[in-house]
Amino acid sequence: MHALKATAFAVGALLVLAGIGVLLHQPLLIPPLAASAALVHGAPGLSISQPRNLVGGHLLSAVIGFATLAVTGSTTWAAAIAAGLALGAMMLTRLSHSPAVATAVIVVLQAPRPVPFVPLLGLAAVLLVGVGLLPGRIGGHPVRYPLSW
């Protein structure tokens, strides 16, 4: 039953991102956020699933991706460097969130405009946290989310 509830809430969170993206005519659902939803709903007790890590990790990784892109341009080599730098920066700032490493890769490989990418990324991460609050309050999830802010 727990797996069914976690699945339903994760699907709901991702549908919210997809729906808002359609309304805004901007991609709000990107692969790293799907992985983030999996952590929030499948492993809500992990430190990497907590709001500070989820939101901070994605935003920090995006900034590192844009900085790497500005210095190196959009290449596969640069994407690999950005991913490694994002991991190191998240570890140093205690914002570790493994899906966010892919955010840095996406920024380098796809070279989106910083605005609207960064604000939309922040919005999407906050929405994932918001939907993550629901299972423990209305879904009877055995682990209360978040454990820390």
Protein backbone atom coordinates (compact mmCIF):
# COMPACT_ATOMS: atom_id res chain seq x y z
CA MET A 1 0.00 0.00 0.00
CA HIS A 2 2.91 2.35 0.77
CA ALA A 3 4.35 1.87 -2.72
CA LEU A 4 0.97 2.61 -4.29
CA LYS A 5 0.57 5.83 -2.29
CA ALA A 6 4.14 6.97 -3.03
CA THR A 7 3.58 6.26 -6.71
CA ALA A 8 0.31 8.18 -6.78
CA PHE A 9 1.78 11.24 -5.07
CA ALA A 10 4.89 11.20 -7.29
CA VAL A 11 2.72 10.98 -10.42
CA GLY A 12 0.58 13.81 -9.05
CA ALA A 13 3.62 16.00 -8.40
CA LEU A 14 4.98 15.40 -11.90
CA LEU A 15 1.58 16.07 -13.47
CA VAL A 16 1.46 19.39 -11.61
CA LEU A 17 4.84 20.32 -13.12
CA ALA A 18 3.75 19.21 -16.58
CA GLY A 19 0.46 21.10 -16.33
CA ILE A 20 2.01 24.34 -15.13
CA GLY A 21 4.63 24.01 -17.87
CA VAL A 22 1.88 23.74 -20.47
CA LEU A 23 0.12 26.81 -19.04
CA LEU A 24 3.37 28.80 -19.06
CA HIS A 25 4.48 27.45 -22.45
CA GLN A 26 7.79 26.51 -20.80
CA PRO A 27 9.20 23.09 -19.94
CA LEU A 28 8.83 22.77 -16.17
CA LEU A 29 9.19 19.00 -16.02
CA ILE A 30 12.82 18.11 -16.69
CA PRO A 31 14.39 14.71 -15.95
CA PRO A 32 16.30 15.75 -12.80
CA LEU A 33 13.04 16.93 -11.23
CA ALA A 34 11.44 13.56 -11.93
CA ALA A 35 14.32 11.98 -10.02
CA SER A 36 13.78 14.52 -7.23
CA ALA A 37 10.11 13.54 -7.02
CA ALA A 38 11.16 9.91 -6.73
CA LEU A 39 13.35 10.78 -3.75
CA VAL A 40 10.74 12.95 -2.03
CA HIS A 41 8.04 10.29 -2.30
CA GLY A 42 10.08 7.11 -2.31
CA ALA A 43 12.70 8.02 0.30
CA PRO A 44 11.38 11.06 2.22
CA GLY A 45 13.60 10.37 5.22
CA LEU A 46 16.91 10.75 3.38
CA SER A 47 18.87 13.95 3.88
CA ILE A 48 19.15 14.41 0.11
CA SER A 49 15.34 14.46 -0.09
CA GLN A 50 14.90 17.38 2.31
CA PRO A 51 13.67 20.77 0.99
CA ARG A 52 16.94 22.63 1.59
CA ASN A 53 18.85 20.03 -0.39
CA LEU A 54 16.29 19.70 -3.17
CA VAL A 55 15.79 23.40 -3.84
CA GLY A 56 19.33 24.51 -2.99
CA GLY A 57 20.98 21.65 -4.87
CA HIS A 58 19.10 22.36 -8.09
CA LEU A 59 19.65 26.11 -7.95
CA LEU A 60 23.35 25.77 -7.09
CA SER A 61 23.85 23.23 -9.87
CA ALA A 62 22.10 25.49 -12.38
CA VAL A 63 24.38 28.40 -11.43
CA ILE A 64 27.42 26.16 -11.83
CA GLY A 65 26.08 24.93 -15.16
CA PHE A 66 25.64 28.50 -16.43
CA ALA A 67 29.10 29.52 -15.19
CA THR A 68 30.68 26.51 -16.89
CA LEU A 69 28.72 27.23 -20.06
CA ALA A 70 29.96 30.84 -20.06
CA VAL A 71 33.58 29.75 -19.72
CA THR A 72 33.67 26.67 -21.94
CA GLY A 73 30.67 26.74 -24.24
CA SER A 74 28.28 23.87 -24.81
CA THR A 75 30.23 20.64 -25.16
CA THR A 76 29.97 17.17 -23.72
CA TRP A 77 33.32 17.73 -21.99
CA ALA A 78 32.02 20.90 -20.37
CA ALA A 79 28.87 19.09 -19.22
CA ALA A 80 31.02 16.47 -17.50
CA ILE A 81 33.05 19.21 -15.80
CA ALA A 82 29.90 21.04 -14.71
CA ALA A 83 28.47 17.84 -13.22
CA GLY A 84 31.60 17.22 -11.19
CA LEU A 85 31.80 20.83 -10.04
CA ALA A 86 28.14 20.77 -9.06
CA LEU A 87 28.68 17.66 -6.96
CA GLY A 88 31.65 19.24 -5.19
CA ALA A 89 29.83 22.51 -4.57
CA MET A 90 26.79 20.70 -3.17
CA MET A 91 29.01 18.68 -0.85
CA LEU A 92 30.83 21.80 0.36
CA THR A 93 27.57 23.67 1.01
CA ARG A 94 25.80 20.64 2.47
CA LEU A 95 23.16 20.82 -0.23
CA SER A 96 23.71 17.36 -1.67
CA HIS A 97 20.89 16.29 -3.95
CA SER A 98 22.11 13.78 -6.53
CA PRO A 99 19.47 14.53 -9.22
CA ALA A 100 20.69 18.14 -9.28
CA VAL A 101 23.99 17.05 -10.87
CA ALA A 102 21.94 16.37 -14.00
CA THR A 103 20.61 19.93 -13.86
CA ALA A 104 24.15 21.22 -14.44
CA VAL A 105 24.49 18.84 -17.40
CA ILE A 106 21.21 20.00 -18.92
CA VAL A 107 22.23 23.65 -18.60
CA VAL A 108 25.53 23.07 -20.39
CA LEU A 109 24.19 20.83 -23.12
CA GLN A 110 20.98 22.74 -23.86
CA ALA A 111 22.17 26.28 -23.06
CA PRO A 112 18.80 27.64 -21.98
CA ARG A 113 18.38 31.33 -21.21
CA PRO A 114 19.07 31.90 -17.49
CA VAL A 115 15.78 33.77 -17.28
CA PRO A 116 13.33 32.00 -17.38
CA PHE A 117 15.24 28.75 -16.62
CA VAL A 118 16.42 29.53 -13.08
CA PRO A 119 13.16 31.01 -11.75
CA LEU A 120 11.16 28.16 -13.28
CA LEU A 121 13.57 25.62 -11.81
CA GLY A 122 13.13 27.23 -8.40
CA LEU A 123 9.35 27.21 -8.80
CA ALA A 124 9.35 23.55 -9.83
CA ALA A 125 11.56 22.54 -6.90
CA VAL A 126 9.33 24.42 -4.44
CA LEU A 127 6.24 22.76 -5.96
CA LEU A 128 7.84 19.34 -5.49
CA VAL A 129 8.43 20.17 -1.84
CA GLY A 130 4.83 21.39 -1.52
CA VAL A 131 3.38 18.20 -2.96
CA GLY A 132 5.84 16.25 -0.81
CA LEU A 133 4.15 17.68 2.28
CA LEU A 134 0.82 16.06 1.38
CA PRO A 135 1.42 12.32 1.92
CA GLY A 136 2.23 12.69 5.60
CA ARG A 137 -0.78 14.91 6.17
CA ILE A 138 -3.49 13.30 4.05
CA GLY A 139 -1.99 10.08 2.75
CA GLY A 140 -0.89 8.41 5.96
CA HIS A 141 2.75 8.17 4.84
CA PRO A 142 4.83 6.43 7.52
CA VAL A 143 7.64 9.01 7.29
CA ARG A 144 6.83 12.65 7.94
CA TYR A 145 8.24 15.00 5.29
CA PRO A 146 10.27 17.04 5.73
CA LEU A 147 12.41 15.86 8.58
CA SER A 148 14.33 19.12 8.40
CA TRP A 149 14.15 22.38 6.49
